[in-house]
């Protein structure tokens, strides 16, 4: 049996075509491989965000979703990086430490030989295959002011890292030029790995063992914090044609993130905006073509803004 039913179908009034089903199949295959490696080494991993909501409410993907999100406690996340080779040659565990052009504060597991490109990032040189997000869960300070300050500096430093390789002309983000110059100088002197390690070491100071609450501090830690005990145990629930791990306290998690009516479907756009996805075309072939189209549209927007 396929890990996903690959035929077009309609769920909750929303039609999922065969192309998206193929994408789901690639993502879920990656997730299963990640689960296998985590099981082999005693690492904790759970469905997160919309994937957790889909697992509980739909027993699979939310019909209009296009990705998989998972989370791991920081110590387990750190150990996973040591076992990246065990994920297999088809997949690439992408972090600042494995991809010199990567710009995010969390890991992504990518599928080689595929494409998942945001047009606005098509000029960037990092691996842009189909991916699943892997978010580290960090302990957070009990003091609210300390918590906000920690998140603020974490977000600022990750944004600065992104700015170092920003294409100012085609992004239209002219005010970022000074940040870009400053960050290119800093990273050339300090190194990207050391820069990211400094961010992570600051987060590791708040142990997941002793902290009462956890958050995804490198992503949306300003929006939600979760009681540590939500994650004390793991349950296995149906997801498409397989089973996946979820935190035993999933109800409290989902109420925190989505509110008390989380079991009522609400059709929302994904967090990724417009993306070009292919399960058969390599991003190294597709990204330059996407960038050429993006350049033309960016220049048109610029001319319109300048009234030319």
C-alpha atoms as a PDB file:
ATOM      1  CA  UNK A   1       0.000   0.000   0.000  1.00  0.00           C
ATOM      2  CA  UNK A   2       1.268   3.476  -0.875  1.00  0.00           C
ATOM      3  CA  UNK A   3       2.079   5.707   2.082  1.00  0.00           C
ATOM      4  CA  UNK A   4      -0.455   8.161   0.584  1.00  0.00           C
ATOM      5  CA  UNK A   5      -3.424   7.497  -1.704  1.00  0.00           C
ATOM      6  CA  UNK A   6      -2.026   9.043  -4.894  1.00  0.00           C
ATOM      7  CA  UNK A   7      -5.363   9.570  -6.636  1.00  0.00           C
ATOM      8  CA  UNK A   8      -7.058  12.963  -6.859  1.00  0.00           C
ATOM      9  CA  UNK A   9      -9.799  13.287  -4.270  1.00  0.00           C
ATOM     10  CA  UNK A  10     -11.964  15.824  -2.463  1.00  0.00           C
ATOM     11  CA  UNK A  11     -11.829  16.209   1.301  1.00  0.00           C
ATOM     12  CA  UNK A  12     -13.892  18.700   3.294  1.00  0.00           C
ATOM     13  CA  UNK A  13     -14.925  20.345   0.035  1.00  0.00           C
ATOM     14  CA  UNK A  14     -11.315  20.840  -1.085  1.00  0.00           C
ATOM     15  CA  UNK A  15      -9.839  18.975  -4.063  1.00  0.00           C
ATOM     16  CA  UNK A  16      -6.306  17.612  -3.747  1.00  0.00           C
ATOM     17  CA  UNK A  17      -4.911  16.849  -7.189  1.00  0.00           C
ATOM     18  CA  UNK A  18      -2.553  13.999  -8.036  1.00  0.00           C
ATOM     19  CA  UNK A  19       0.404  16.379  -8.210  1.00  0.00           C
ATOM     20  CA  UNK A  20      -0.012  17.477  -4.599  1.00  0.00           C
ATOM     21  CA  UNK A  21      -0.579  13.879  -3.553  1.00  0.00           C
ATOM     22  CA  UNK A  22       2.826  13.057  -5.060  1.00  0.00           C
ATOM     23  CA  UNK A  23       4.363  15.874  -2.998  1.00  0.00           C
ATOM     24  CA  UNK A  24       2.678  14.527   0.136  1.00  0.00           C
ATOM     25  CA  UNK A  25       4.112  11.095  -0.627  1.00  0.00           C
ATOM     26  CA  UNK A  26       7.665  12.469  -0.840  1.00  0.00           C
ATOM     27  CA  UNK A  27       7.256  14.435   2.393  1.00  0.00           C
ATOM     28  CA  UNK A  28       5.731  11.556   4.306  1.00  0.00           C
ATOM     29  CA  UNK A  29       8.450   9.195   3.081  1.00  0.00           C
ATOM     30  CA  UNK A  30      11.016  11.642   4.468  1.00  0.00           C
ATOM     31  CA  UNK A  31       9.137  11.826   7.756  1.00  0.00           C
ATOM     32  CA  UNK A  32       9.059   8.054   8.037  1.00  0.00           C
ATOM     33  CA  UNK A  33      12.811   7.868   7.466  1.00  0.00           C
ATOM     34  CA  UNK A  34      13.337  10.543  10.112  1.00  0.00           C
ATOM     35  CA  UNK A  35      11.154   8.570  12.527  1.00  0.00           C
ATOM     36  CA  UNK A  36      13.195   5.421  11.864  1.00  0.00           C
ATOM     37  CA  UNK A  37      16.484   7.178  12.649  1.00  0.00           C
ATOM     38  CA  UNK A  38      15.014   8.783  15.764  1.00  0.00           C
ATOM     39  CA  UNK A  39      13.705   5.423  16.981  1.00  0.00           C
ATOM     40  CA  UNK A  40      17.104   3.817  16.414  1.00  0.00           C
ATOM     41  CA  UNK A  41      18.813   6.358  18.660  1.00  0.00           C
ATOM     42  CA  UNK A  42      16.116   7.053  21.230  1.00  0.00           C
ATOM     43  CA  UNK A  43      15.367  10.563  19.990  1.00  0.00           C
ATOM     44  CA  UNK A  44      11.997  12.195  20.609  1.00  0.00           C
ATOM     45  CA  UNK A  45      10.160  13.667  17.634  1.00  0.00           C
ATOM     46  CA  UNK A  46       6.530  14.749  17.255  1.00  0.00           C
ATOM     47  CA  UNK A  47       4.156  16.181  14.691  1.00  0.00           C
ATOM     48  CA  UNK A  48       3.960  19.938  15.088  1.00  0.00           C
ATOM     49  CA  UNK A  49       1.687  22.797  14.047  1.00  0.00           C
ATOM     50  CA  UNK A  50      -0.589  22.038  11.116  1.00  0.00           C
ATOM     51  CA  UNK A  51       0.751  18.495  10.828  1.00  0.00           C
ATOM     52  CA  UNK A  52      -0.304  17.765  14.405  1.00  0.00           C
ATOM     53  CA  UNK A  53      -3.679  19.376  13.746  1.00  0.00           C
ATOM     54  CA  UNK A  54      -4.070  17.247  10.627  1.00  0.00           C
ATOM     55  CA  UNK A  55      -3.112  14.080  12.492  1.00  0.00           C
ATOM     56  CA  UNK A  56      -5.750  14.644  15.169  1.00  0.00           C
ATOM     57  CA  UNK A  57      -8.552  16.206  13.109  1.00  0.00           C
ATOM     58  CA  UNK A  58      -8.133  14.530   9.706  1.00  0.00           C
ATOM     59  CA  UNK A  59      -5.971  11.478  10.467  1.00  0.00           C
ATOM     60  CA  UNK A  60      -3.691  12.796   7.745  1.00  0.00           C
ATOM     61  CA  UNK A  61      -2.868  16.031   5.987  1.00  0.00           C
ATOM     62  CA  UNK A  62      -5.115  19.037   6.324  1.00  0.00           C
ATOM     63  CA  UNK A  63      -6.530  18.988   2.761  1.00  0.00           C
ATOM     64  CA  UNK A  64      -5.140  22.430   1.838  1.00  0.00           C
ATOM     65  CA  UNK A  65      -1.765  21.951   3.544  1.00  0.00           C
ATOM     66  CA  UNK A  66       1.437  21.490   1.562  1.00  0.00           C
ATOM     67  CA  UNK A  67       4.079  20.600   4.123  1.00  0.00           C
ATOM     68  CA  UNK A  68       5.053  18.610   7.199  1.00  0.00           C
ATOM     69  CA  UNK A  69       6.207  20.231  10.439  1.00  0.00           C
ATOM     70  CA  UNK A  70       7.857  18.301  13.259  1.00  0.00           C
ATOM     71  CA  UNK A  71       9.501  19.328  16.507  1.00  0.00           C
ATOM     72  CA  UNK A  72      12.154  17.900  18.810  1.00  0.00           C
ATOM     73  CA  UNK A  73      13.511  18.951  22.214  1.00  0.00           C
ATOM     74  CA  UNK A  74      16.789  20.825  21.752  1.00  0.00           C
ATOM     75  CA  UNK A  75      19.013  18.006  23.140  1.00  0.00           C
ATOM     76  CA  UNK A  76      17.416  15.449  20.779  1.00  0.00           C
ATOM     77  CA  UNK A  77      17.587  17.913  17.878  1.00  0.00           C
ATOM     78  CA  UNK A  78      21.301  18.420  18.516  1.00  0.00           C
ATOM     79  CA  UNK A  79      21.928  14.678  18.570  1.00  0.00           C
ATOM     80  CA  UNK A  80      20.007  14.197  15.314  1.00  0.00           C
ATOM     81  CA  UNK A  81      22.636  16.264  13.514  1.00  0.00           C
ATOM     82  CA  UNK A  82      25.190  13.584  14.438  1.00  0.00           C
ATOM     83  CA  UNK A  83      23.149  10.930  12.610  1.00  0.00           C
ATOM     84  CA  UNK A  84      22.436  12.870   9.413  1.00  0.00           C
ATOM     85  CA  UNK A  85      24.220  10.292   7.245  1.00  0.00           C
ATOM     86  CA  UNK A  86      21.804   7.596   8.411  1.00  0.00           C
ATOM     87  CA  UNK A  87      18.914   9.399   6.732  1.00  0.00           C
ATOM     88  CA  UNK A  88      20.227   8.057   3.436  1.00  0.00           C
ATOM     89  CA  UNK A  89      21.654   9.458   0.183  1.00  0.00           C
ATOM     90  CA  UNK A  90      18.235  10.484  -1.114  1.00  0.00           C
ATOM     91  CA  UNK A  91      17.824  13.041   1.668  1.00  0.00           C
ATOM     92  CA  UNK A  92      19.820  16.012   2.967  1.00  0.00           C
ATOM     93  CA  UNK A  93      19.586  17.340   6.528  1.00  0.00           C
ATOM     94  CA  UNK A  94      19.964  21.062   5.971  1.00  0.00           C
ATOM     95  CA  UNK A  95      21.316  23.412   8.626  1.00  0.00           C
ATOM     96  CA  UNK A  96      23.767  26.302   8.714  1.00  0.00           C
ATOM     97  CA  UNK A  97      26.397  23.653   9.513  1.00  0.00           C
ATOM     98  CA  UNK A  98      25.712  21.496   6.450  1.00  0.00           C
ATOM     99  CA  UNK A  99      24.740  24.100   3.834  1.00  0.00           C
ATOM    100  CA  UNK A 100      26.948  27.235   3.668  1.00  0.00           C
ATOM    101  CA  UNK A 101      24.135  29.282   2.104  1.00  0.00           C
ATOM    102  CA  UNK A 102      21.308  28.264   4.445  1.00  0.00           C
ATOM    103  CA  UNK A 103      19.503  31.127   6.187  1.00  0.00           C
ATOM    104  CA  UNK A 104      17.098  29.626   8.745  1.00  0.00           C
ATOM    105  CA  UNK A 105      17.445  28.924  12.437  1.00  0.00           C
ATOM    106  CA  UNK A 106      15.902  25.446  12.290  1.00  0.00           C
ATOM    107  CA  UNK A 107      16.693  22.349  10.243  1.00  0.00           C
ATOM    108  CA  UNK A 108      14.932  21.191   7.104  1.00  0.00           C
ATOM    109  CA  UNK A 109      15.115  17.684   5.696  1.00  0.00           C
ATOM    110  CA  UNK A 110      15.328  17.983   1.903  1.00  0.00           C
ATOM    111  CA  UNK A 111      14.722  15.461  -0.865  1.00  0.00           C
ATOM    112  CA  UNK A 112      17.443  15.456  -3.501  1.00  0.00           C
ATOM    113  CA  UNK A 113      16.397  15.730  -7.149  1.00  0.00           C
ATOM    114  CA  UNK A 114      13.201  17.681  -6.402  1.00  0.00           C
ATOM    115  CA  UNK A 115      12.090  21.322  -6.338  1.00  0.00           C
ATOM    116  CA  UNK A 116      10.365  23.500  -3.756  1.00  0.00           C
ATOM    117  CA  UNK A 117      11.313  27.087  -4.564  1.00  0.00           C
ATOM    118  CA  UNK A 118       9.832  30.373  -3.450  1.00  0.00           C
ATOM    119  CA  UNK A 119      10.271  32.745  -6.410  1.00  0.00           C
ATOM    120  CA  UNK A 120      11.531  35.429  -4.022  1.00  0.00           C
ATOM    121  CA  UNK A 121      14.317  33.048  -2.934  1.00  0.00           C
ATOM    122  CA  UNK A 122      15.087  31.543  -6.331  1.00  0.00           C
ATOM    123  CA  UNK A 123      18.426  33.372  -6.562  1.00  0.00           C
ATOM    124  CA  UNK A 124      19.659  31.910  -3.276  1.00  0.00           C
ATOM    125  CA  UNK A 125      22.170  29.078  -3.501  1.00  0.00           C
ATOM    126  CA  UNK A 126      20.987  26.778  -0.717  1.00  0.00           C
ATOM    127  CA  UNK A 127      19.374  23.375  -1.359  1.00  0.00           C
ATOM    128  CA  UNK A 128      15.764  23.979  -2.429  1.00  0.00           C
ATOM    129  CA  UNK A 129      14.324  20.506  -2.778  1.00  0.00           C
ATOM    130  CA  UNK A 130      11.020  19.387  -1.249  1.00  0.00           C
ATOM    131  CA  UNK A 131      11.381  19.575   2.528  1.00  0.00           C
ATOM    132  CA  UNK A 132       9.951  18.994   5.949  1.00  0.00           C
ATOM    133  CA  UNK A 133      10.592  21.478   8.774  1.00  0.00           C
ATOM    134  CA  UNK A 134      12.297  20.272  11.960  1.00  0.00           C
ATOM    135  CA  UNK A 135      11.900  22.785  14.784  1.00  0.00           C
ATOM    136  CA  UNK A 136      13.944  22.616  17.996  1.00  0.00           C
ATOM    137  CA  UNK A 137      11.956  23.149  21.183  1.00  0.00           C
ATOM    138  CA  UNK A 138      13.891  25.232  23.708  1.00  0.00           C
ATOM    139  CA  UNK A 139      13.286  25.999  27.345  1.00  0.00           C
ATOM    140  CA  UNK A 140      12.211  29.586  28.008  1.00  0.00           C
ATOM    141  CA  UNK A 141      12.868  31.922  30.950  1.00  0.00           C
ATOM    142  CA  UNK A 142      10.141  32.109  33.578  1.00  0.00           C
ATOM    143  CA  UNK A 143      10.427  35.885  33.767  1.00  0.00           C
ATOM    144  CA  UNK A 144       8.282  37.397  31.001  1.00  0.00           C
ATOM    145  CA  UNK A 145      10.693  40.254  30.301  1.00  0.00           C
ATOM    146  CA  UNK A 146      13.642  37.865  30.015  1.00  0.00           C
ATOM    147  CA  UNK A 147      11.600  35.646  27.698  1.00  0.00           C
ATOM    148  CA  UNK A 148      10.678  38.522  25.388  1.00  0.00           C
ATOM    149  CA  UNK A 149      14.259  39.795  25.349  1.00  0.00           C
ATOM    150  CA  UNK A 150      15.606  36.340  24.486  1.00  0.00           C
ATOM    151  CA  UNK A 151      13.183  35.910  21.619  1.00  0.00           C
ATOM    152  CA  UNK A 152      13.810  39.436  20.346  1.00  0.00           C
ATOM    153  CA  UNK A 153      17.570  39.005  20.069  1.00  0.00           C
ATOM    154  CA  UNK A 154      17.182  35.510  18.573  1.00  0.00           C
ATOM    155  CA  UNK A 155      14.803  36.750  15.886  1.00  0.00           C
ATOM    156  CA  UNK A 156      16.978  39.790  15.159  1.00  0.00           C
ATOM    157  CA  UNK A 157      20.156  37.765  14.711  1.00  0.00           C
ATOM    158  CA  UNK A 158      18.486  35.209  12.433  1.00  0.00           C
ATOM    159  CA  UNK A 159      17.006  37.997  10.311  1.00  0.00           C
ATOM    160  CA  UNK A 160      20.444  39.581  10.061  1.00  0.00           C
ATOM    161  CA  UNK A 161      21.885  36.283   8.843  1.00  0.00           C
ATOM    162  CA  UNK A 162      19.220  36.161   6.118  1.00  0.00           C
ATOM    163  CA  UNK A 163      20.052  39.713   5.061  1.00  0.00           C
ATOM    164  CA  UNK A 164      23.696  38.873   4.331  1.00  0.00           C
ATOM    165  CA  UNK A 165      22.800  37.217   1.012  1.00  0.00           C
ATOM    166  CA  UNK A 166      19.690  39.263   0.207  1.00  0.00           C
ATOM    167  CA  UNK A 167      19.315  40.426  -3.392  1.00  0.00           C
ATOM    168  CA  UNK A 168      18.505  44.064  -2.716  1.00  0.00           C
ATOM    169  CA  UNK A 169      17.588  44.971  -6.297  1.00  0.00           C
ATOM    170  CA  UNK A 170      15.044  42.257  -6.985  1.00  0.00           C
ATOM    171  CA  UNK A 171      13.645  42.008  -3.470  1.00  0.00           C
ATOM    172  CA  UNK A 172      12.950  45.744  -3.407  1.00  0.00           C
ATOM    173  CA  UNK A 173      14.052  45.863   0.233  1.00  0.00           C
ATOM    174  CA  UNK A 174      16.328  48.860  -0.102  1.00  0.00           C
ATOM    175  CA  UNK A 175      16.432  49.622   3.607  1.00  0.00           C
ATOM    176  CA  UNK A 176      18.192  46.298   4.167  1.00  0.00           C
ATOM    177  CA  UNK A 177      21.337  47.350   2.305  1.00  0.00           C
ATOM    178  CA  UNK A 178      23.166  48.601   5.406  1.00  0.00           C
ATOM    179  CA  UNK A 179      22.244  45.486   7.366  1.00  0.00           C
ATOM    180  CA  UNK A 180      23.505  43.379   4.462  1.00  0.00           C
ATOM    181  CA  UNK A 181      26.856  45.174   4.335  1.00  0.00           C
ATOM    182  CA  UNK A 182      27.288  44.938   8.099  1.00  0.00           C
ATOM    183  CA  UNK A 183      26.382  41.237   8.199  1.00  0.00           C
ATOM    184  CA  UNK A 184      28.603  40.254   5.274  1.00  0.00           C
ATOM    185  CA  UNK A 185      31.512  41.860   7.098  1.00  0.00           C
ATOM    186  CA  UNK A 186      30.621  40.178  10.408  1.00  0.00           C
ATOM    187  CA  UNK A 187      30.123  36.730   8.880  1.00  0.00           C
ATOM    188  CA  UNK A 188      33.333  36.948   6.858  1.00  0.00           C
ATOM    189  CA  UNK A 189      35.186  37.683  10.093  1.00  0.00           C
ATOM    190  CA  UNK A 190      33.280  35.411  12.478  1.00  0.00           C
ATOM    191  CA  UNK A 191      32.008  32.638  10.208  1.00  0.00           C
ATOM    192  CA  UNK A 192      28.392  31.536   9.759  1.00  0.00           C
ATOM    193  CA  UNK A 193      28.762  28.431  11.892  1.00  0.00           C
ATOM    194  CA  UNK A 194      30.206  30.336  14.849  1.00  0.00           C
ATOM    195  CA  UNK A 195      27.496  32.974  14.457  1.00  0.00           C
ATOM    196  CA  UNK A 196      24.733  30.337  14.560  1.00  0.00           C
ATOM    197  CA  UNK A 197      26.414  28.478  17.412  1.00  0.00           C
ATOM    198  CA  UNK A 198      26.346  31.673  19.473  1.00  0.00           C
ATOM    199  CA  UNK A 199      22.583  31.970  18.899  1.00  0.00           C
ATOM    200  CA  UNK A 200      21.985  28.343  19.856  1.00  0.00           C
ATOM    201  CA  UNK A 201      24.267  28.416  22.910  1.00  0.00           C
ATOM    202  CA  UNK A 202      22.245  31.324  24.267  1.00  0.00           C
ATOM    203  CA  UNK A 203      19.095  29.199  23.889  1.00  0.00           C
ATOM    204  CA  UNK A 204      20.716  26.104  25.415  1.00  0.00           C
ATOM    205  CA  UNK A 205      21.261  28.076  28.615  1.00  0.00           C
ATOM    206  CA  UNK A 206      17.564  27.406  29.361  1.00  0.00           C
ATOM    207  CA  UNK A 207      17.440  23.643  29.795  1.00  0.00           C
ATOM    208  CA  UNK A 208      14.453  21.698  28.515  1.00  0.00           C
ATOM    209  CA  UNK A 209      14.809  19.518  31.631  1.00  0.00           C
ATOM    210  CA  UNK A 210      14.355  22.302  34.181  1.00  0.00           C
ATOM    211  CA  UNK A 211      12.357  24.923  32.253  1.00  0.00           C
ATOM    212  CA  UNK A 212       8.622  24.801  32.942  1.00  0.00           C
ATOM    213  CA  UNK A 213       7.691  25.906  29.432  1.00  0.00           C
ATOM    214  CA  UNK A 214       9.085  25.276  25.959  1.00  0.00           C
ATOM    215  CA  UNK A 215       8.866  27.248  22.717  1.00  0.00           C
ATOM    216  CA  UNK A 216      10.166  27.187  19.146  1.00  0.00           C
ATOM    217  CA  UNK A 217      12.470  30.109  19.818  1.00  0.00           C
ATOM    218  CA  UNK A 218      14.071  30.101  16.363  1.00  0.00           C
ATOM    219  CA  UNK A 219      10.696  30.370  14.627  1.00  0.00           C
ATOM    220  CA  UNK A 220       7.502  31.586  16.339  1.00  0.00           C
ATOM    221  CA  UNK A 221       8.520  31.549  19.986  1.00  0.00           C
ATOM    222  CA  UNK A 222       6.909  34.957  20.476  1.00  0.00           C
ATOM    223  CA  UNK A 223       3.453  33.535  19.754  1.00  0.00           C
ATOM    224  CA  UNK A 224       3.226  30.359  21.814  1.00  0.00           C
ATOM    225  CA  UNK A 225       4.859  28.682  24.784  1.00  0.00           C
ATOM    226  CA  UNK A 226       3.892  25.200  25.898  1.00  0.00           C
ATOM    227  CA  UNK A 227       3.849  23.469  29.262  1.00  0.00           C
ATOM    228  CA  UNK A 228       6.762  21.043  29.288  1.00  0.00           C
ATOM    229  CA  UNK A 229       4.537  18.215  30.514  1.00  0.00           C
ATOM    230  CA  UNK A 230       2.607  18.244  27.225  1.00  0.00           C
ATOM    231  CA  UNK A 231       5.582  16.303  25.879  1.00  0.00           C
ATOM    232  CA  UNK A 232       6.097  13.825  28.731  1.00  0.00           C
ATOM    233  CA  UNK A 233       4.756  10.913  26.681  1.00  0.00           C
ATOM    234  CA  UNK A 234       4.304  10.044  23.022  1.00  0.00           C
ATOM    235  CA  UNK A 235       1.222   8.601  21.326  1.00  0.00           C
ATOM    236  CA  UNK A 236       1.029   7.059  17.859  1.00  0.00           C
ATOM    237  CA  UNK A 237      -1.940   8.059  15.706  1.00  0.00           C
ATOM    238  CA  UNK A 238      -3.081   7.283  12.132  1.00  0.00           C
ATOM    239  CA  UNK A 239      -1.827   9.606   9.398  1.00  0.00           C
ATOM    240  CA  UNK A 240      -2.776   8.801   5.792  1.00  0.00           C
ATOM    241  CA  UNK A 241      -1.651   5.160   5.402  1.00  0.00           C
ATOM    242  CA  UNK A 242       0.845   5.103   8.261  1.00  0.00           C
ATOM    243  CA  UNK A 243       1.147   6.169  11.913  1.00  0.00           C
ATOM    244  CA  UNK A 244       3.014   9.139  13.354  1.00  0.00           C
ATOM    245  CA  UNK A 245       4.139  10.310  16.818  1.00  0.00           C
ATOM    246  CA  UNK A 246       2.291  13.092  18.654  1.00  0.00           C
ATOM    247  CA  UNK A 247       2.743  14.479  22.174  1.00  0.00           C
ATOM    248  CA  UNK A 248       0.317  12.911  24.637  1.00  0.00           C
ATOM    249  CA  UNK A 249      -0.791  16.400  25.645  1.00  0.00           C
ATOM    250  CA  UNK A 250      -1.795  17.266  22.093  1.00  0.00           C
ATOM    251  CA  UNK A 251      -5.153  18.723  23.166  1.00  0.00           C
ATOM    252  CA  UNK A 252      -3.493  21.412  25.298  1.00  0.00           C
ATOM    253  CA  UNK A 253      -0.969  22.059  22.518  1.00  0.00           C
ATOM    254  CA  UNK A 254      -3.643  22.523  19.871  1.00  0.00           C
ATOM    255  CA  UNK A 255      -5.834  24.662  22.122  1.00  0.00           C
ATOM    256  CA  UNK A 256      -2.839  26.894  22.777  1.00  0.00           C
ATOM    257  CA  UNK A 257      -1.996  27.277  19.096  1.00  0.00           C
ATOM    258  CA  UNK A 258      -5.406  27.137  17.411  1.00  0.00           C
ATOM    259  CA  UNK A 259      -7.966  27.832  20.121  1.00  0.00           C
ATOM    260  CA  UNK A 260     -10.708  25.671  21.672  1.00  0.00           C
ATOM    261  CA  UNK A 261     -12.492  25.095  18.342  1.00  0.00           C
ATOM    262  CA  UNK A 262      -9.501  23.503  16.632  1.00  0.00           C
ATOM    263  CA  UNK A 263     -11.552  20.470  15.567  1.00  0.00           C
ATOM    264  CA  UNK A 264     -13.665  22.688  13.272  1.00  0.00           C
ATOM    265  CA  UNK A 265     -11.913  23.015   9.881  1.00  0.00           C
ATOM    266  CA  UNK A 266     -11.122  26.538   8.690  1.00  0.00           C
ATOM    267  CA  UNK A 267      -9.646  26.838   5.208  1.00  0.00           C
ATOM    268  CA  UNK A 268      -6.483  28.935   5.516  1.00  0.00           C
ATOM    269  CA  UNK A 269      -3.508  29.595   3.275  1.00  0.00           C
ATOM    270  CA  UNK A 270      -0.188  27.935   4.114  1.00  0.00           C
ATOM    271  CA  UNK A 271       2.761  29.827   5.601  1.00  0.00           C
ATOM    272  CA  UNK A 272       4.833  29.389   2.464  1.00  0.00           C
ATOM    273  CA  UNK A 273       3.003  31.658   0.043  1.00  0.00           C
ATOM    274  CA  UNK A 274       3.632  30.966  -3.628  1.00  0.00           C
ATOM    275  CA  UNK A 275       6.046  28.097  -4.229  1.00  0.00           C
ATOM    276  CA  UNK A 276       7.040  26.099  -7.293  1.00  0.00           C
ATOM    277  CA  UNK A 277       7.034  22.393  -6.412  1.00  0.00           C
ATOM    278  CA  UNK A 278       8.088  19.381  -8.470  1.00  0.00           C
ATOM    279  CA  UNK A 279       8.739  15.800  -7.433  1.00  0.00           C
ATOM    280  CA  UNK A 280      10.680  15.036 -10.631  1.00  0.00           C
ATOM    281  CA  UNK A 281      12.672  18.194 -11.508  1.00  0.00           C
ATOM    282  CA  UNK A 282      15.887  19.142  -9.706  1.00  0.00           C
ATOM    283  CA  UNK A 283      15.883  22.596  -8.084  1.00  0.00           C
ATOM    284  CA  UNK A 284      19.299  23.292  -9.617  1.00  0.00           C
ATOM    285  CA  UNK A 285      17.648  23.183 -13.028  1.00  0.00           C
ATOM    286  CA  UNK A 286      14.402  24.874 -12.034  1.00  0.00           C
ATOM    287  CA  UNK A 287      15.618  27.710  -9.783  1.00  0.00           C
ATOM    288  CA  UNK A 288      17.442  29.684 -12.525  1.00  0.00           C
ATOM    289  CA  UNK A 289      14.327  29.547 -14.720  1.00  0.00           C
ATOM    290  CA  UNK A 290      12.139  30.649 -11.827  1.00  0.00           C
ATOM    291  CA  UNK A 291      14.549  33.492 -11.068  1.00  0.00           C
ATOM    292  CA  UNK A 292      14.403  34.786 -14.650  1.00  0.00           C
ATOM    293  CA  UNK A 293      10.621  35.045 -14.393  1.00  0.00           C
ATOM    294  CA  UNK A 294      10.869  36.585 -10.940  1.00  0.00           C
ATOM    295  CA  UNK A 295      13.330  39.222 -12.170  1.00  0.00           C
ATOM    296  CA  UNK A 296      10.923  40.342 -14.866  1.00  0.00           C
ATOM    297  CA  UNK A 297       8.035  40.652 -12.427  1.00  0.00           C
ATOM    298  CA  UNK A 298      10.267  42.416  -9.880  1.00  0.00           C
ATOM    299  CA  UNK A 299      11.402  44.959 -12.458  1.00  0.00           C
ATOM    300  CA  UNK A 300       7.800  45.614 -13.469  1.00  0.00           C
ATOM    301  CA  UNK A 301       6.881  46.218  -9.821  1.00  0.00           C
ATOM    302  CA  UNK A 302       9.830  48.574  -9.448  1.00  0.00           C
ATOM    303  CA  UNK A 303       8.918  50.557 -12.566  1.00  0.00           C
ATOM    304  CA  UNK A 304       5.329  50.820 -11.385  1.00  0.00           C
ATOM    305  CA  UNK A 305       6.488  52.070  -7.997  1.00  0.00           C
ATOM    306  CA  UNK A 306       8.709  54.672  -9.673  1.00  0.00           C
ATOM    307  CA  UNK A 307       5.868  55.604 -12.076  1.00  0.00           C
ATOM    308  CA  UNK A 308       8.045  54.858 -15.116  1.00  0.00           C
END
